[in-house]
Amino acid sequence: MSQQGTLLFSKTPEPLKAANGTYRYQHEPWELLSALLTVFTRSDAPGGLEKGILVPKRIIYNVHDKCAQLLELLKAGGARPLRELYDMSKSRSEVVATFLSVLELCSAGTLFVTNAGEGLSVSLREGAPAVLPEMDAVSQEQAWKN
């Protein structure tokens, strides 16, 4: 292995054969396309494509907002199957927010999860205040950014 600065190379570069000074390496088409894509998606390249064109914008769903939505839903309709809460989600980000919200509300003592035969059922805990749990510092920073 050779090392140069902070870069680590698993093997040393192959020496070029001196065949009339001509470079004769055969590139696979996918290697050339990958290199071209790298050049065009660089942010510092003048006239390059914007990253938003190639990569869809991330959807961020706020966990605190999802907690409020779940509390309203359970106040209005009573116990719900957990699967139904996930099925209502429109994106993977919202599914994750639903999962984290259920965990957060359970740890705050607001929700109660039971085994209802065909799956898990989620309901408001009797006597527990149906209020949003206190957000930790990371959640507050995330909510502030949105």
C-alpha atoms as a PDB file:
ATOM      1  CA  MET A   1       0.000   0.000   0.000  1.00  0.00           C
ATOM      2  CA  SER A   2       1.143   3.497  -0.668  1.00  0.00           C
ATOM      3  CA  GLN A   3       0.074   6.641   1.085  1.00  0.00           C
ATOM      4  CA  GLN A   4       0.159  10.265  -0.031  1.00  0.00           C
ATOM      5  CA  GLY A   5      -1.024  12.870   2.461  1.00  0.00           C
ATOM      6  CA  THR A   6      -4.381  11.778   3.856  1.00  0.00           C
ATOM      7  CA  LEU A   7      -5.198   9.674   0.803  1.00  0.00           C
ATOM      8  CA  LEU A   8      -4.658   5.937   1.019  1.00  0.00           C
ATOM      9  CA  PHE A   9      -4.152   3.920  -2.133  1.00  0.00           C
ATOM     10  CA  SER A  10      -4.678   0.160  -1.994  1.00  0.00           C
ATOM     11  CA  LYS A  11      -2.161  -0.448  -4.775  1.00  0.00           C
ATOM     12  CA  THR A  12       0.337   1.612  -6.631  1.00  0.00           C
ATOM     13  CA  PRO A  13      -0.619   2.922 -10.092  1.00  0.00           C
ATOM     14  CA  GLU A  14       0.207   0.667 -12.990  1.00  0.00           C
ATOM     15  CA  PRO A  15       3.030   2.012 -15.130  1.00  0.00           C
ATOM     16  CA  LEU A  16       2.062   2.909 -18.673  1.00  0.00           C
ATOM     17  CA  LYS A  17       3.645   0.788 -21.341  1.00  0.00           C
ATOM     18  CA  ALA A  18       5.829   2.782 -23.686  1.00  0.00           C
ATOM     19  CA  ALA A  19       4.095   1.900 -26.949  1.00  0.00           C
ATOM     20  CA  ASN A  20       4.979   4.869 -29.133  1.00  0.00           C
ATOM     21  CA  GLY A  21       3.817   7.178 -26.314  1.00  0.00           C
ATOM     22  CA  THR A  22       0.145   6.378 -27.024  1.00  0.00           C
ATOM     23  CA  TYR A  23      -2.317   5.784 -24.193  1.00  0.00           C
ATOM     24  CA  ARG A  24      -4.154   2.564 -25.029  1.00  0.00           C
ATOM     25  CA  TYR A  25      -6.327   1.807 -22.006  1.00  0.00           C
ATOM     26  CA  GLN A  26      -9.817   0.536 -22.916  1.00  0.00           C
ATOM     27  CA  HIS A  27     -12.591   2.207 -20.886  1.00  0.00           C
ATOM     28  CA  GLU A  28     -15.951   0.600 -20.311  1.00  0.00           C
ATOM     29  CA  PRO A  29     -18.930   2.797 -21.375  1.00  0.00           C
ATOM     30  CA  TRP A  30     -20.269   3.003 -17.807  1.00  0.00           C
ATOM     31  CA  GLU A  31     -16.892   4.346 -16.597  1.00  0.00           C
ATOM     32  CA  LEU A  32     -17.024   7.155 -19.145  1.00  0.00           C
ATOM     33  CA  LEU A  33     -20.640   8.029 -18.294  1.00  0.00           C
ATOM     34  CA  SER A  34     -19.838   8.023 -14.580  1.00  0.00           C
ATOM     35  CA  ALA A  35     -16.900  10.370 -15.127  1.00  0.00           C
ATOM     36  CA  LEU A  36     -19.022  12.660 -17.305  1.00  0.00           C
ATOM     37  CA  LEU A  37     -21.793  12.770 -14.702  1.00  0.00           C
ATOM     38  CA  THR A  38     -19.249  13.665 -12.034  1.00  0.00           C
ATOM     39  CA  VAL A  39     -17.984  16.564 -14.123  1.00  0.00           C
ATOM     40  CA  PHE A  40     -21.468  17.949 -14.826  1.00  0.00           C
ATOM     41  CA  THR A  41     -22.750  17.652 -11.254  1.00  0.00           C
ATOM     42  CA  ARG A  42     -19.842  19.483  -9.641  1.00  0.00           C
ATOM     43  CA  SER A  43     -21.122  22.595  -7.885  1.00  0.00           C
ATOM     44  CA  ASP A  44     -18.041  24.645  -8.762  1.00  0.00           C
ATOM     45  CA  ALA A  45     -18.157  23.861 -12.488  1.00  0.00           C
ATOM     46  CA  PRO A  46     -19.236  26.894 -14.546  1.00  0.00           C
ATOM     47  CA  GLY A  47     -22.257  26.168 -16.693  1.00  0.00           C
ATOM     48  CA  GLY A  48     -22.811  22.798 -15.037  1.00  0.00           C
ATOM     49  CA  LEU A  49     -26.213  21.345 -14.339  1.00  0.00           C
ATOM     50  CA  GLU A  50     -27.897  22.203 -11.083  1.00  0.00           C
ATOM     51  CA  LYS A  51     -27.986  19.388  -8.573  1.00  0.00           C
ATOM     52  CA  GLY A  52     -31.742  19.825  -8.136  1.00  0.00           C
ATOM     53  CA  ILE A  53     -32.259  18.712 -11.725  1.00  0.00           C
ATOM     54  CA  LEU A  54     -30.644  15.323 -11.200  1.00  0.00           C
ATOM     55  CA  VAL A  55     -31.570  14.664  -7.584  1.00  0.00           C
ATOM     56  CA  PRO A  56     -35.113  15.128  -6.278  1.00  0.00           C
ATOM     57  CA  LYS A  57     -35.495  17.494  -3.352  1.00  0.00           C
ATOM     58  CA  ARG A  58     -35.625  15.802   0.026  1.00  0.00           C
ATOM     59  CA  ILE A  59     -38.937  15.906   1.855  1.00  0.00           C
ATOM     60  CA  ILE A  60     -38.490  16.606   5.541  1.00  0.00           C
ATOM     61  CA  TYR A  61     -41.491  15.939   7.761  1.00  0.00           C
ATOM     62  CA  ASN A  62     -41.391  17.513  11.207  1.00  0.00           C
ATOM     63  CA  VAL A  63     -41.869  14.996  14.056  1.00  0.00           C
ATOM     64  CA  HIS A  64     -43.455  17.613  16.318  1.00  0.00           C
ATOM     65  CA  ASP A  65     -46.089  18.376  13.668  1.00  0.00           C
ATOM     66  CA  LYS A  66     -46.751  14.655  13.261  1.00  0.00           C
ATOM     67  CA  CYS A  67     -47.207  14.287  17.035  1.00  0.00           C
ATOM     68  CA  ALA A  68     -49.865  17.030  16.936  1.00  0.00           C
ATOM     69  CA  GLN A  69     -51.573  15.388  13.957  1.00  0.00           C
ATOM     70  CA  LEU A  70     -51.674  11.978  15.697  1.00  0.00           C
ATOM     71  CA  LEU A  71     -53.093  13.489  18.883  1.00  0.00           C
ATOM     72  CA  GLU A  72     -55.877  15.227  16.950  1.00  0.00           C
ATOM     73  CA  LEU A  73     -56.654  12.043  15.038  1.00  0.00           C
ATOM     74  CA  LEU A  74     -56.843   9.897  18.158  1.00  0.00           C
ATOM     75  CA  LYS A  75     -58.910  12.476  20.073  1.00  0.00           C
ATOM     76  CA  ALA A  76     -61.463  12.577  17.260  1.00  0.00           C
ATOM     77  CA  GLY A  77     -61.645   8.909  16.329  1.00  0.00           C
ATOM     78  CA  GLY A  78     -60.457   6.901  19.314  1.00  0.00           C
ATOM     79  CA  ALA A  79     -58.144   3.905  19.000  1.00  0.00           C
ATOM     80  CA  ARG A  80     -56.636   3.197  15.593  1.00  0.00           C
ATOM     81  CA  PRO A  81     -54.617   0.310  14.193  1.00  0.00           C
ATOM     82  CA  LEU A  82     -50.936   1.223  14.007  1.00  0.00           C
ATOM     83  CA  ARG A  83     -50.837   0.025  10.407  1.00  0.00           C
ATOM     84  CA  GLU A  84     -53.507   2.620   9.512  1.00  0.00           C
ATOM     85  CA  LEU A  85     -51.281   5.403  10.839  1.00  0.00           C
ATOM     86  CA  TYR A  86     -48.455   4.248   8.572  1.00  0.00           C
ATOM     87  CA  ASP A  87     -50.777   3.795   5.585  1.00  0.00           C
ATOM     88  CA  MET A  88     -51.856   7.449   5.857  1.00  0.00           C
ATOM     89  CA  SER A  89     -48.272   8.552   5.182  1.00  0.00           C
ATOM     90  CA  LYS A  90     -47.525   9.857   1.708  1.00  0.00           C
ATOM     91  CA  SER A  91     -43.707   9.603   1.808  1.00  0.00           C
ATOM     92  CA  ARG A  92     -40.960   7.606   3.482  1.00  0.00           C
ATOM     93  CA  SER A  93     -40.065  10.688   5.498  1.00  0.00           C
ATOM     94  CA  GLU A  94     -43.608  10.840   6.849  1.00  0.00           C
ATOM     95  CA  VAL A  95     -43.521   7.122   7.749  1.00  0.00           C
ATOM     96  CA  VAL A  96     -40.343   7.731   9.749  1.00  0.00           C
ATOM     97  CA  ALA A  97     -41.925  10.789  11.388  1.00  0.00           C
ATOM     98  CA  THR A  98     -44.977   8.667  12.301  1.00  0.00           C
ATOM     99  CA  PHE A  99     -42.772   5.987  13.852  1.00  0.00           C
ATOM    100  CA  LEU A 100     -40.764   8.542  15.844  1.00  0.00           C
ATOM    101  CA  SER A 101     -43.943  10.351  16.919  1.00  0.00           C
ATOM    102  CA  VAL A 102     -45.495   7.142  18.249  1.00  0.00           C
ATOM    103  CA  LEU A 103     -42.294   6.433  20.183  1.00  0.00           C
ATOM    104  CA  GLU A 104     -42.154   9.989  21.523  1.00  0.00           C
ATOM    105  CA  LEU A 105     -45.809   9.997  22.589  1.00  0.00           C
ATOM    106  CA  CYS A 106     -45.469   6.553  24.209  1.00  0.00           C
ATOM    107  CA  SER A 107     -42.396   7.640  26.155  1.00  0.00           C
ATOM    108  CA  ALA A 108     -44.282  10.749  27.313  1.00  0.00           C
ATOM    109  CA  GLY A 109     -47.082   8.505  28.579  1.00  0.00           C
ATOM    110  CA  THR A 110     -49.680   9.942  26.202  1.00  0.00           C
ATOM    111  CA  LEU A 111     -50.179   6.932  23.911  1.00  0.00           C
ATOM    112  CA  PHE A 112     -50.861   3.325  24.737  1.00  0.00           C
ATOM    113  CA  VAL A 113     -50.046   0.528  22.280  1.00  0.00           C
ATOM    114  CA  THR A 114     -51.859  -2.807  22.636  1.00  0.00           C
ATOM    115  CA  ASN A 115     -51.966  -6.048  20.702  1.00  0.00           C
ATOM    116  CA  ALA A 116     -55.407  -6.084  19.091  1.00  0.00           C
ATOM    117  CA  GLY A 117     -55.341  -9.597  17.614  1.00  0.00           C
ATOM    118  CA  GLU A 118     -54.761  -8.650  13.975  1.00  0.00           C
ATOM    119  CA  GLY A 119     -52.031  -6.123  14.804  1.00  0.00           C
ATOM    120  CA  LEU A 120     -51.098  -3.358  17.145  1.00  0.00           C
ATOM    121  CA  SER A 121     -53.629  -0.742  18.167  1.00  0.00           C
ATOM    122  CA  VAL A 122     -52.777   2.791  19.305  1.00  0.00           C
ATOM    123  CA  SER A 123     -54.960   4.808  21.650  1.00  0.00           C
ATOM    124  CA  LEU A 124     -54.714   7.726  24.041  1.00  0.00           C
ATOM    125  CA  ARG A 125     -53.858   6.654  27.579  1.00  0.00           C
ATOM    126  CA  GLU A 126     -56.764   7.259  29.956  1.00  0.00           C
ATOM    127  CA  GLY A 127     -56.099  10.088  32.369  1.00  0.00           C
ATOM    128  CA  ALA A 128     -52.988  11.203  30.510  1.00  0.00           C
ATOM    129  CA  PRO A 129     -52.993  14.773  29.265  1.00  0.00           C
ATOM    130  CA  ALA A 130     -53.165  14.800  25.481  1.00  0.00           C
ATOM    131  CA  VAL A 131     -50.443  17.393  25.089  1.00  0.00           C
ATOM    132  CA  LEU A 132     -47.346  17.430  22.970  1.00  0.00           C
ATOM    133  CA  PRO A 133     -44.233  16.144  24.734  1.00  0.00           C
ATOM    134  CA  GLU A 134     -41.381  18.518  25.450  1.00  0.00           C
ATOM    135  CA  MET A 135     -38.982  18.587  22.546  1.00  0.00           C
ATOM    136  CA  ASP A 136     -35.300  17.897  23.118  1.00  0.00           C
ATOM    137  CA  ALA A 137     -32.614  20.280  21.856  1.00  0.00           C
ATOM    138  CA  VAL A 138     -32.137  18.419  18.564  1.00  0.00           C
ATOM    139  CA  SER A 139     -35.870  18.453  17.804  1.00  0.00           C
ATOM    140  CA  GLN A 140     -36.094  22.162  18.662  1.00  0.00           C
ATOM    141  CA  GLU A 141     -33.209  22.967  16.308  1.00  0.00           C
ATOM    142  CA  GLN A 142     -34.831  20.925  13.525  1.00  0.00           C
ATOM    143  CA  ALA A 143     -38.190  22.668  14.055  1.00  0.00           C
ATOM    144  CA  TRP A 144     -36.467  26.058  14.028  1.00  0.00           C
ATOM    145  CA  LYS A 145     -34.827  25.299  10.650  1.00  0.00           C
ATOM    146  CA  ASN A 146     -38.244  24.430   9.132  1.00  0.00           C
END
